[in-house]
Amino acid sequence: EATAEDGTAWIRETVAMLGVGGLASLGLTE
């Protein structure tokens, strides 16, 4: 019964769980 929103939530949760940061932490600046 999951939706697309549930899928993106799973992705965000997994990225956080695996310790991968955002683009700024990877060196991208504004």
mmCIF file of all heavy atoms, coordinates in Angstrom:
data_MODEL
# 
_entry.id   MODEL 
# 
loop_
_atom_site.group_PDB 
_atom_site.id 
_atom_site.type_symbol 
_atom_site.label_atom_id 
_atom_site.label_alt_id 
_atom_site.label_comp_id 
_atom_site.label_asym_id 
_atom_site.label_entity_id 
_atom_site.label_seq_id 
_atom_site.pdbx_PDB_ins_code 
_atom_site.Cartn_x 
_atom_site.Cartn_y 
_atom_site.Cartn_z 
_atom_site.occupancy 
_atom_site.B_iso_or_equiv 
_atom_site.pdbx_formal_charge 
_atom_site.auth_seq_id 
_atom_site.auth_comp_id 
_atom_site.auth_asym_id 
_atom_site.auth_atom_id 
_atom_site.pdbx_PDB_model_num 
ATOM 1   N N   . GLU A 1 1  ? 0.816  -1.217 0.000  1.00 0.00 ? 1  GLU A N   1 
ATOM 2   C CA  . GLU A 1 1  ? 0.000  0.000  0.000  1.00 0.00 ? 1  GLU A CA  1 
ATOM 3   C C   . GLU A 1 1  ? 0.848  1.265  0.000  1.00 0.00 ? 1  GLU A C   1 
ATOM 4   O O   . GLU A 1 1  ? 0.307  2.376  0.060  1.00 0.00 ? 1  GLU A O   1 
ATOM 5   C CB  . GLU A 1 1  ? -0.917 0.002  1.236  1.00 0.00 ? 1  GLU A CB  1 
ATOM 6   C CG  . GLU A 1 1  ? -1.812 -1.215 1.365  1.00 0.00 ? 1  GLU A CG  1 
ATOM 7   C CD  . GLU A 1 1  ? -2.750 -1.382 0.169  1.00 0.00 ? 1  GLU A CD  1 
ATOM 8   O OE1 . GLU A 1 1  ? -3.247 -0.355 -0.325 1.00 0.00 ? 1  GLU A OE1 1 
ATOM 9   O OE2 . GLU A 1 1  ? -2.951 -2.530 -0.259 1.00 0.00 ? 1  GLU A OE2 1 
ATOM 10  N N   . ALA A 1 2  ? 2.152  1.121  -0.060 1.00 0.00 ? 2  ALA A N   1 
ATOM 11  C CA  . ALA A 1 2  ? 3.040  2.279  0.034  1.00 0.00 ? 2  ALA A CA  1 
ATOM 12  C C   . ALA A 1 2  ? 2.900  3.191  -1.180 1.00 0.00 ? 2  ALA A C   1 
ATOM 13  O O   . ALA A 1 2  ? 2.487  2.773  -2.263 1.00 0.00 ? 2  ALA A O   1 
ATOM 14  C CB  . ALA A 1 2  ? 4.494  1.815  0.172  1.00 0.00 ? 2  ALA A CB  1 
ATOM 15  N N   . THR A 1 3  ? 3.269  4.441  -0.995 1.00 0.00 ? 3  THR A N   1 
ATOM 16  C CA  . THR A 1 3  ? 3.205  5.453  -2.044 1.00 0.00 ? 3  THR A CA  1 
ATOM 17  C C   . THR A 1 3  ? 4.612  5.915  -2.413 1.00 0.00 ? 3  THR A C   1 
ATOM 18  O O   . THR A 1 3  ? 5.604  5.527  -1.779 1.00 0.00 ? 3  THR A O   1 
ATOM 19  C CB  . THR A 1 3  ? 2.404  6.667  -1.565 1.00 0.00 ? 3  THR A CB  1 
ATOM 20  O OG1 . THR A 1 3  ? 3.114  7.272  -0.453 1.00 0.00 ? 3  THR A OG1 1 
ATOM 21  C CG2 . THR A 1 3  ? 1.004  6.262  -1.108 1.00 0.00 ? 3  THR A CG2 1 
ATOM 22  N N   . ALA A 1 4  ? 4.668  6.774  -3.415 1.00 0.00 ? 4  ALA A N   1 
ATOM 23  C CA  . ALA A 1 4  ? 5.953  7.353  -3.807 1.00 0.00 ? 4  ALA A CA  1 
ATOM 24  C C   . ALA A 1 4  ? 6.586  8.095  -2.638 1.00 0.00 ? 4  ALA A C   1 
ATOM 25  O O   . ALA A 1 4  ? 7.812  8.060  -2.448 1.00 0.00 ? 4  ALA A O   1 
ATOM 26  C CB  . ALA A 1 4  ? 5.747  8.294  -4.992 1.00 0.00 ? 4  ALA A CB  1 
ATOM 27  N N   . GLU A 1 5  ? 5.757  8.770  -1.856 1.00 0.00 ? 5  GLU A N   1 
ATOM 28  C CA  . GLU A 1 5  ? 6.259  9.515  -0.701 1.00 0.00 ? 5  GLU A CA  1 
ATOM 29  C C   . GLU A 1 5  ? 6.904  8.579  0.329  1.00 0.00 ? 5  GLU A C   1 
ATOM 30  O O   . GLU A 1 5  ? 7.910  8.923  0.949  1.00 0.00 ? 5  GLU A O   1 
ATOM 31  C CB  . GLU A 1 5  ? 5.132  10.316 -0.058 1.00 0.00 ? 5  GLU A CB  1 
ATOM 32  C CG  . GLU A 1 5  ? 4.639  11.506 -0.880 1.00 0.00 ? 5  GLU A CG  1 
ATOM 33  C CD  . GLU A 1 5  ? 3.865  11.109 -2.136 1.00 0.00 ? 5  GLU A CD  1 
ATOM 34  O OE1 . GLU A 1 5  ? 3.268  9.999  -2.141 1.00 0.00 ? 5  GLU A OE1 1 
ATOM 35  O OE2 . GLU A 1 5  ? 3.875  11.880 -3.115 1.00 0.00 ? 5  GLU A OE2 1 
ATOM 36  N N   . ASP A 1 6  ? 6.330  7.397  0.489  1.00 0.00 ? 6  ASP A N   1 
ATOM 37  C CA  . ASP A 1 6  ? 6.931  6.403  1.388  1.00 0.00 ? 6  ASP A CA  1 
ATOM 38  C C   . ASP A 1 6  ? 8.296  5.960  0.867  1.00 0.00 ? 6  ASP A C   1 
ATOM 39  O O   . ASP A 1 6  ? 9.227  5.718  1.642  1.00 0.00 ? 6  ASP A O   1 
ATOM 40  C CB  . ASP A 1 6  ? 6.010  5.183  1.530  1.00 0.00 ? 6  ASP A CB  1 
ATOM 41  C CG  . ASP A 1 6  ? 4.694  5.514  2.191  1.00 0.00 ? 6  ASP A CG  1 
ATOM 42  O OD1 . ASP A 1 6  ? 4.682  6.333  3.134  1.00 0.00 ? 6  ASP A OD1 1 
ATOM 43  O OD2 . ASP A 1 6  ? 3.661  4.953  1.761  1.00 0.00 ? 6  ASP A OD2 1 
ATOM 44  N N   . GLY A 1 7  ? 8.394  5.860  -0.449 1.00 0.00 ? 7  GLY A N   1 
ATOM 45  C CA  . GLY A 1 7  ? 9.666  5.478  -1.048 1.00 0.00 ? 7  GLY A CA  1 
ATOM 46  C C   . GLY A 1 7  ? 10.741 6.518  -0.823 1.00 0.00 ? 7  GLY A C   1 
ATOM 47  O O   . GLY A 1 7  ? 11.878 6.182  -0.463 1.00 0.00 ? 7  GLY A O   1 
ATOM 48  N N   . THR A 1 8  ? 10.419 7.795  -1.019 1.00 0.00 ? 8  THR A N   1 
ATOM 49  C CA  . THR A 1 8  ? 11.421 8.844  -0.803 1.00 0.00 ? 8  THR A CA  1 
ATOM 50  C C   . THR A 1 8  ? 11.792 8.938  0.673  1.00 0.00 ? 8  THR A C   1 
ATOM 51  O O   . THR A 1 8  ? 12.946 9.224  1.007  1.00 0.00 ? 8  THR A O   1 
ATOM 52  C CB  . THR A 1 8  ? 10.927 10.204 -1.324 1.00 0.00 ? 8  THR A CB  1 
ATOM 53  O OG1 . THR A 1 8  ? 9.656  10.513 -0.739 1.00 0.00 ? 8  THR A OG1 1 
ATOM 54  C CG2 . THR A 1 8  ? 10.788 10.191 -2.839 1.00 0.00 ? 8  THR A CG2 1 
ATOM 55  N N   . ALA A 1 9  ? 10.823 8.685  1.550  1.00 0.00 ? 9  ALA A N   1 
ATOM 56  C CA  . ALA A 1 9  ? 11.127 8.671  2.983  1.00 0.00 ? 9  ALA A CA  1 
ATOM 57  C C   . ALA A 1 9  ? 12.109 7.544  3.309  1.00 0.00 ? 9  ALA A C   1 
ATOM 58  O O   . ALA A 1 9  ? 13.042 7.727  4.112  1.00 0.00 ? 9  ALA A O   1 
ATOM 59  C CB  . ALA A 1 9  ? 9.840  8.515  3.792  1.00 0.00 ? 9  ALA A CB  1 
ATOM 60  N N   . TRP A 1 10 ? 11.918 6.375  2.682  1.00 0.00 ? 10 TRP A N   1 
ATOM 61  C CA  . TRP A 1 10 ? 12.834 5.241  2.889  1.00 0.00 ? 10 TRP A CA  1 
ATOM 62  C C   . TRP A 1 10 ? 14.231 5.605  2.401  1.00 0.00 ? 10 TRP A C   1 
ATOM 63  O O   . TRP A 1 10 ? 15.232 5.279  3.055  1.00 0.00 ? 10 TRP A O   1 
ATOM 64  C CB  . TRP A 1 10 ? 12.318 4.011  2.147  1.00 0.00 ? 10 TRP A CB  1 
ATOM 65  C CG  . TRP A 1 10 ? 13.066 2.744  2.434  1.00 0.00 ? 10 TRP A CG  1 
ATOM 66  C CD1 . TRP A 1 10 ? 12.767 1.790  3.361  1.00 0.00 ? 10 TRP A CD1 1 
ATOM 67  C CD2 . TRP A 1 10 ? 14.264 2.285  1.773  1.00 0.00 ? 10 TRP A CD2 1 
ATOM 68  N NE1 . TRP A 1 10 ? 13.692 0.771  3.331  1.00 0.00 ? 10 TRP A NE1 1 
ATOM 69  C CE2 . TRP A 1 10 ? 14.623 1.039  2.372  1.00 0.00 ? 10 TRP A CE2 1 
ATOM 70  C CE3 . TRP A 1 10 ? 15.055 2.784  0.758  1.00 0.00 ? 10 TRP A CE3 1 
ATOM 71  C CZ2 . TRP A 1 10 ? 15.736 0.311  1.967  1.00 0.00 ? 10 TRP A CZ2 1 
ATOM 72  C CZ3 . TRP A 1 10 ? 16.184 2.066  0.361  1.00 0.00 ? 10 TRP A CZ3 1 
ATOM 73  C CH2 . TRP A 1 10 ? 16.510 0.841  0.957  1.00 0.00 ? 10 TRP A CH2 1 
ATOM 74  N N   . ILE A 1 11 ? 14.305 6.277  1.276  1.00 0.00 ? 11 ILE A N   1 
ATOM 75  C CA  . ILE A 1 11 ? 15.605 6.683  0.732  1.00 0.00 ? 11 ILE A CA  1 
ATOM 76  C C   . ILE A 1 11 ? 16.306 7.638  1.695  1.00 0.00 ? 11 ILE A C   1 
ATOM 77  O O   . ILE A 1 11 ? 17.480 7.466  2.031  1.00 0.00 ? 11 ILE A O   1 
ATOM 78  C CB  . ILE A 1 11 ? 15.441 7.332  -0.656 1.00 0.00 ? 11 ILE A CB  1 
ATOM 79  C CG1 . ILE A 1 11 ? 14.943 6.311  -1.673 1.00 0.00 ? 11 ILE A CG1 1 
ATOM 80  C CG2 . ILE A 1 11 ? 16.777 7.943  -1.117 1.00 0.00 ? 11 ILE A CG2 1 
ATOM 81  C CD1 . ILE A 1 11 ? 14.469 6.933  -2.977 1.00 0.00 ? 11 ILE A CD1 1 
ATOM 82  N N   . ARG A 1 12 ? 15.583 8.661  2.157  1.00 0.00 ? 12 ARG A N   1 
ATOM 83  C CA  . ARG A 1 12 ? 16.192 9.637  3.070  1.00 0.00 ? 12 ARG A CA  1 
ATOM 84  C C   . ARG A 1 12 ? 16.671 8.966  4.361  1.00 0.00 ? 12 ARG A C   1 
ATOM 85  O O   . ARG A 1 12 ? 17.764 9.249  4.862  1.00 0.00 ? 12 ARG A O   1 
ATOM 86  C CB  . ARG A 1 12 ? 15.183 10.742 3.404  1.00 0.00 ? 12 ARG A CB  1 
ATOM 87  C CG  . ARG A 1 12 ? 14.846 11.664 2.237  1.00 0.00 ? 12 ARG A CG  1 
ATOM 88  C CD  . ARG A 1 12 ? 13.994 12.836 2.690  1.00 0.00 ? 12 ARG A CD  1 
ATOM 89  N NE  . ARG A 1 12 ? 13.481 13.595 1.569  1.00 0.00 ? 12 ARG A NE  1 
ATOM 90  C CZ  . ARG A 1 12 ? 14.172 14.486 0.856  1.00 0.00 ? 12 ARG A CZ  1 
ATOM 91  N NH1 . ARG A 1 12 ? 15.440 14.717 1.174  1.00 0.00 ? 12 ARG A NH1 1 
ATOM 92  N NH2 . ARG A 1 12 ? 13.605 15.126 -0.144 1.00 0.00 ? 12 ARG A NH2 1 
ATOM 93  N N   . GLU A 1 13 ? 15.858 8.073  4.880  1.00 0.00 ? 13 GLU A N   1 
ATOM 94  C CA  . GLU A 1 13 ? 16.206 7.371  6.105  1.00 0.00 ? 13 GLU A CA  1 
ATOM 95  C C   . GLU A 1 13 ? 17.449 6.510  5.907  1.00 0.00 ? 13 GLU A C   1 
ATOM 96  O O   . GLU A 1 13 ? 18.338 6.459  6.770  1.00 0.00 ? 13 GLU A O   1 
ATOM 97  C CB  . GLU A 1 13 ? 15.021 6.505  6.548  1.00 0.00 ? 13 GLU A CB  1 
ATOM 98  C CG  . GLU A 1 13 ? 15.215 5.779  7.855  1.00 0.00 ? 13 GLU A CG  1 
ATOM 99  C CD  . GLU A 1 13 ? 13.995 4.951  8.224  1.00 0.00 ? 13 GLU A CD  1 
ATOM 100 O OE1 . GLU A 1 13 ? 13.906 3.801  7.753  1.00 0.00 ? 13 GLU A OE1 1 
ATOM 101 O OE2 . GLU A 1 13 ? 13.134 5.453  8.963  1.00 0.00 ? 13 GLU A OE2 1 
ATOM 102 N N   . THR A 1 14 ? 17.524 5.832  4.768  1.00 0.00 ? 14 THR A N   1 
ATOM 103 C CA  . THR A 1 14 ? 18.662 4.965  4.484  1.00 0.00 ? 14 THR A CA  1 
ATOM 104 C C   . THR A 1 14 ? 19.940 5.770  4.290  1.00 0.00 ? 14 THR A C   1 
ATOM 105 O O   . THR A 1 14 ? 21.003 5.399  4.804  1.00 0.00 ? 14 THR A O   1 
ATOM 106 C CB  . THR A 1 14 ? 18.383 4.109  3.237  1.00 0.00 ? 14 THR A CB  1 
ATOM 107 O OG1 . THR A 1 14 ? 17.200 3.328  3.464  1.00 0.00 ? 14 THR A OG1 1 
ATOM 108 C CG2 . THR A 1 14 ? 19.539 3.179  2.930  1.00 0.00 ? 14 THR A CG2 1 
ATOM 109 N N   . VAL A 1 15 ? 19.858 6.878  3.570  1.00 0.00 ? 15 VAL A N   1 
ATOM 110 C CA  . VAL A 1 15 ? 21.033 7.730  3.360  1.00 0.00 ? 15 VAL A CA  1 
ATOM 111 C C   . VAL A 1 15 ? 21.571 8.211  4.700  1.00 0.00 ? 15 VAL A C   1 
ATOM 112 O O   . VAL A 1 15 ? 22.789 8.196  4.945  1.00 0.00 ? 15 VAL A O   1 
ATOM 113 C CB  . VAL A 1 15 ? 20.674 8.918  2.447  1.00 0.00 ? 15 VAL A CB  1 
ATOM 114 C CG1 . VAL A 1 15 ? 21.797 9.950  2.430  1.00 0.00 ? 15 VAL A CG1 1 
ATOM 115 C CG2 . VAL A 1 15 ? 20.389 8.428  1.019  1.00 0.00 ? 15 VAL A CG2 1 
ATOM 116 N N   . ALA A 1 16 ? 20.660 8.627  5.594  1.00 0.00 ? 16 ALA A N   1 
ATOM 117 C CA  . ALA A 1 16 ? 21.083 9.078  6.924  1.00 0.00 ? 16 ALA A CA  1 
ATOM 118 C C   . ALA A 1 16 ? 21.689 7.924  7.726  1.00 0.00 ? 16 ALA A C   1 
ATOM 119 O O   . ALA A 1 16 ? 22.718 8.075  8.395  1.00 0.00 ? 16 ALA A O   1 
ATOM 120 C CB  . ALA A 1 16 ? 19.897 9.683  7.668  1.00 0.00 ? 16 ALA A CB  1 
ATOM 121 N N   . MET A 1 17 ? 21.068 6.754  7.645  1.00 0.00 ? 17 MET A N   1 
ATOM 122 C CA  . MET A 1 17 ? 21.528 5.588  8.388  1.00 0.00 ? 17 MET A CA  1 
ATOM 123 C C   . MET A 1 17 ? 22.927 5.168  7.944  1.00 0.00 ? 17 MET A C   1 
ATOM 124 O O   . MET A 1 17 ? 23.736 4.702  8.748  1.00 0.00 ? 17 MET A O   1 
ATOM 125 C CB  . MET A 1 17 ? 20.541 4.434  8.174  1.00 0.00 ? 17 MET A CB  1 
ATOM 126 C CG  . MET A 1 17 ? 20.805 3.194  8.994  1.00 0.00 ? 17 MET A CG  1 
ATOM 127 S SD  . MET A 1 17 ? 19.572 1.913  8.663  1.00 0.00 ? 17 MET A SD  1 
ATOM 128 C CE  . MET A 1 17 ? 18.086 2.725  9.238  1.00 0.00 ? 17 MET A CE  1 
ATOM 129 N N   . LEU A 1 18 ? 23.213 5.350  6.662  1.00 0.00 ? 18 LEU A N   1 
ATOM 130 C CA  . LEU A 1 18 ? 24.508 4.945  6.121  1.00 0.00 ? 18 LEU A CA  1 
ATOM 131 C C   . LEU A 1 18 ? 25.561 6.050  6.218  1.00 0.00 ? 18 LEU A C   1 
ATOM 132 O O   . LEU A 1 18 ? 26.686 5.884  5.746  1.00 0.00 ? 18 LEU A O   1 
ATOM 133 C CB  . LEU A 1 18 ? 24.356 4.491  4.665  1.00 0.00 ? 18 LEU A CB  1 
ATOM 134 C CG  . LEU A 1 18 ? 24.019 2.999  4.446  1.00 0.00 ? 18 LEU A CG  1 
ATOM 135 C CD1 . LEU A 1 18 ? 22.762 2.592  5.177  1.00 0.00 ? 18 LEU A CD1 1 
ATOM 136 C CD2 . LEU A 1 18 ? 23.876 2.692  2.964  1.00 0.00 ? 18 LEU A CD2 1 
ATOM 137 N N   . GLY A 1 19 ? 25.192 7.163  6.825  1.00 0.00 ? 19 GLY A N   1 
ATOM 138 C CA  . GLY A 1 19 ? 26.163 8.208  7.122  1.00 0.00 ? 19 GLY A CA  1 
ATOM 139 C C   . GLY A 1 19 ? 26.625 9.024  5.938  1.00 0.00 ? 19 GLY A C   1 
ATOM 140 O O   . GLY A 1 19 ? 27.716 9.602  5.972  1.00 0.00 ? 19 GLY A O   1 
ATOM 141 N N   . VAL A 1 20 ? 25.811 9.112  4.897  1.00 0.00 ? 20 VAL A N   1 
ATOM 142 C CA  . VAL A 1 20 ? 26.164 9.913  3.721  1.00 0.00 ? 20 VAL A CA  1 
ATOM 143 C C   . VAL A 1 20 ? 25.564 11.304 3.875  1.00 0.00 ? 20 VAL A C   1 
ATOM 144 O O   . VAL A 1 20 ? 24.359 11.452 4.067  1.00 0.00 ? 20 VAL A O   1 
ATOM 145 C CB  . VAL A 1 20 ? 25.662 9.258  2.426  1.00 0.00 ? 20 VAL A CB  1 
ATOM 146 C CG1 . VAL A 1 20 ? 26.031 10.121 1.224  1.00 0.00 ? 20 VAL A CG1 1 
ATOM 147 C CG2 . VAL A 1 20 ? 26.272 7.868  2.279  1.00 0.00 ? 20 VAL A CG2 1 
ATOM 148 N N   . GLY A 1 21 ? 26.393 12.327 3.799  1.00 0.00 ? 21 GLY A N   1 
ATOM 149 C CA  . GLY A 1 21 ? 25.935 13.694 4.004  1.00 0.00 ? 21 GLY A CA  1 
ATOM 150 C C   . GLY A 1 21 ? 25.401 14.341 2.743  1.00 0.00 ? 21 GLY A C   1 
ATOM 151 O O   . GLY A 1 21 ? 25.315 13.723 1.675  1.00 0.00 ? 21 GLY A O   1 
ATOM 152 N N   . GLY A 1 22 ? 25.043 15.615 2.872  1.00 0.00 ? 22 GLY A N   1 
ATOM 153 C CA  . GLY A 1 22 ? 24.543 16.384 1.740  1.00 0.00 ? 22 GLY A CA  1 
ATOM 154 C C   . GLY A 1 22 ? 25.663 16.860 0.835  1.00 0.00 ? 22 GLY A C   1 
ATOM 155 O O   . GLY A 1 22 ? 26.850 16.585 1.070  1.00 0.00 ? 22 GLY A O   1 
ATOM 156 N N   . LEU A 1 23 ? 25.295 17.601 -0.192 1.00 0.00 ? 23 LEU A N   1 
ATOM 157 C CA  . LEU A 1 23 ? 26.276 18.044 -1.180 1.00 0.00 ? 23 LEU A CA  1 
ATOM 158 C C   . LEU A 1 23 ? 27.310 18.995 -0.592 1.00 0.00 ? 23 LEU A C   1 
ATOM 159 O O   . LEU A 1 23 ? 28.464 19.011 -1.030 1.00 0.00 ? 23 LEU A O   1 
ATOM 160 C CB  . LEU A 1 23 ? 25.561 18.709 -2.359 1.00 0.00 ? 23 LEU A CB  1 
ATOM 161 C CG  . LEU A 1 23 ? 24.683 17.793 -3.213 1.00 0.00 ? 23 LEU A CG  1 
ATOM 162 C CD1 . LEU A 1 23 ? 23.982 18.609 -4.298 1.00 0.00 ? 23 LEU A CD1 1 
ATOM 163 C CD2 . LEU A 1 23 ? 25.505 16.672 -3.845 1.00 0.00 ? 23 LEU A CD2 1 
ATOM 164 N N   . ALA A 1 24 ? 26.915 19.784 0.396  1.00 0.00 ? 24 ALA A N   1 
ATOM 165 C CA  . ALA A 1 24 ? 27.880 20.704 1.015  1.00 0.00 ? 24 ALA A CA  1 
ATOM 166 C C   . ALA A 1 24 ? 28.998 19.922 1.690  1.00 0.00 ? 24 ALA A C   1 
ATOM 167 O O   . ALA A 1 24 ? 30.181 20.296 1.613  1.00 0.00 ? 24 ALA A O   1 
ATOM 168 C CB  . ALA A 1 24 ? 27.176 21.603 2.015  1.00 0.00 ? 24 ALA A CB  1 
ATOM 169 N N   . SER A 1 25 ? 28.651 18.807 2.330  1.00 0.00 ? 25 SER A N   1 
ATOM 170 C CA  . SER A 1 25 ? 29.665 17.988 2.986  1.00 0.00 ? 25 SER A CA  1 
ATOM 171 C C   . SER A 1 25 ? 30.583 17.316 1.974  1.00 0.00 ? 25 SER A C   1 
ATOM 172 O O   . SER A 1 25 ? 31.687 16.879 2.310  1.00 0.00 ? 25 SER A O   1 
ATOM 173 C CB  . SER A 1 25 ? 29.006 16.926 3.870  1.00 0.00 ? 25 SER A CB  1 
ATOM 174 O OG  . SER A 1 25 ? 28.386 15.925 3.083  1.00 0.00 ? 25 SER A OG  1 
ATOM 175 N N   . LEU A 1 26 ? 30.118 17.237 0.722  1.00 0.00 ? 26 LEU A N   1 
ATOM 176 C CA  . LEU A 1 26 ? 30.922 16.632 -0.348 1.00 0.00 ? 26 LEU A CA  1 
ATOM 177 C C   . LEU A 1 26 ? 31.744 17.672 -1.102 1.00 0.00 ? 26 LEU A C   1 
ATOM 178 O O   . LEU A 1 26 ? 32.462 17.335 -2.041 1.00 0.00 ? 26 LEU A O   1 
ATOM 179 C CB  . LEU A 1 26 ? 30.008 15.885 -1.325 1.00 0.00 ? 26 LEU A CB  1 
ATOM 180 C CG  . LEU A 1 26 ? 29.193 14.737 -0.724 1.00 0.00 ? 26 LEU A CG  1 
ATOM 181 C CD1 . LEU A 1 26 ? 28.260 14.143 -1.778 1.00 0.00 ? 26 LEU A CD1 1 
ATOM 182 C CD2 . LEU A 1 26 ? 30.095 13.657 -0.153 1.00 0.00 ? 26 LEU A CD2 1 
ATOM 183 N N   . GLY A 1 27 ? 31.609 18.956 -0.698 1.00 0.00 ? 27 GLY A N   1 
ATOM 184 C CA  . GLY A 1 27 ? 32.450 19.991 -1.279 1.00 0.00 ? 27 GLY A CA  1 
ATOM 185 C C   . GLY A 1 27 ? 31.762 20.955 -2.228 1.00 0.00 ? 27 GLY A C   1 
ATOM 186 O O   . GLY A 1 27 ? 32.413 21.851 -2.773 1.00 0.00 ? 27 GLY A O   1 
ATOM 187 N N   . LEU A 1 28 ? 30.447 20.789 -2.440 1.00 0.00 ? 28 LEU A N   1 
ATOM 188 C CA  . LEU A 1 28 ? 29.760 21.715 -3.343 1.00 0.00 ? 28 LEU A CA  1 
ATOM 189 C C   . LEU A 1 28 ? 29.377 22.979 -2.586 1.00 0.00 ? 28 LEU A C   1 
ATOM 190 O O   . LEU A 1 28 ? 28.751 22.920 -1.525 1.00 0.00 ? 28 LEU A O   1 
ATOM 191 C CB  . LEU A 1 28 ? 28.512 21.069 -3.941 1.00 0.00 ? 28 LEU A CB  1 
ATOM 192 C CG  . LEU A 1 28 ? 27.816 21.893 -5.034 1.00 0.00 ? 28 LEU A CG  1 
ATOM 193 C CD1 . LEU A 1 28 ? 28.692 21.980 -6.281 1.00 0.00 ? 28 LEU A CD1 1 
ATOM 194 C CD2 . LEU A 1 28 ? 26.449 21.300 -5.404 1.00 0.00 ? 28 LEU A CD2 1 
ATOM 195 N N   . THR A 1 29 ? 29.735 24.125 -3.132 1.00 0.00 ? 29 THR A N   1 
ATOM 196 C CA  . THR A 1 29 ? 29.412 25.414 -2.521 1.00 0.00 ? 29 THR A CA  1 
ATOM 197 C C   . THR A 1 29 ? 28.310 26.108 -3.304 1.00 0.00 ? 29 THR A C   1 
ATOM 198 O O   . THR A 1 29 ? 28.047 25.780 -4.465 1.00 0.00 ? 29 THR A O   1 
ATOM 199 C CB  . THR A 1 29 ? 30.654 26.324 -2.494 1.00 0.00 ? 29 THR A CB  1 
ATOM 200 O OG1 . THR A 1 29 ? 31.071 26.576 -3.859 1.00 0.00 ? 29 THR A OG1 1 
ATOM 201 C CG2 . THR A 1 29 ? 31.798 25.657 -1.743 1.00 0.00 ? 29 THR A CG2 1 
ATOM 202 N N   . GLU A 1 30 ? 27.687 27.073 -2.671 1.00 0.00 ? 30 GLU A N   1 
ATOM 203 C CA  . GLU A 1 30 ? 26.633 27.836 -3.348 1.00 0.00 ? 30 GLU A CA  1 
ATOM 204 C C   . GLU A 1 30 ? 27.169 28.543 -4.583 1.00 0.00 ? 30 GLU A C   1 
ATOM 205 O O   . GLU A 1 30 ? 26.447 28.712 -5.571 1.00 0.00 ? 30 GLU A O   1 
ATOM 206 C CB  . GLU A 1 30 ? 26.014 28.847 -2.373 1.00 0.00 ? 30 GLU A CB  1 
ATOM 207 C CG  . GLU A 1 30 ? 25.183 28.202 -1.267 1.00 0.00 ? 30 GLU A CG  1 
ATOM 208 C CD  . GLU A 1 30 ? 24.402 29.216 -0.454 1.00 0.00 ? 30 GLU A CD  1 
ATOM 209 O OE1 . GLU A 1 30 ? 24.401 30.411 -0.834 1.00 0.00 ? 30 GLU A OE1 1 
ATOM 210 O OE2 . GLU A 1 30 ? 23.793 28.825 0.553  1.00 0.00 ? 30 GLU A OE2 1 
# 
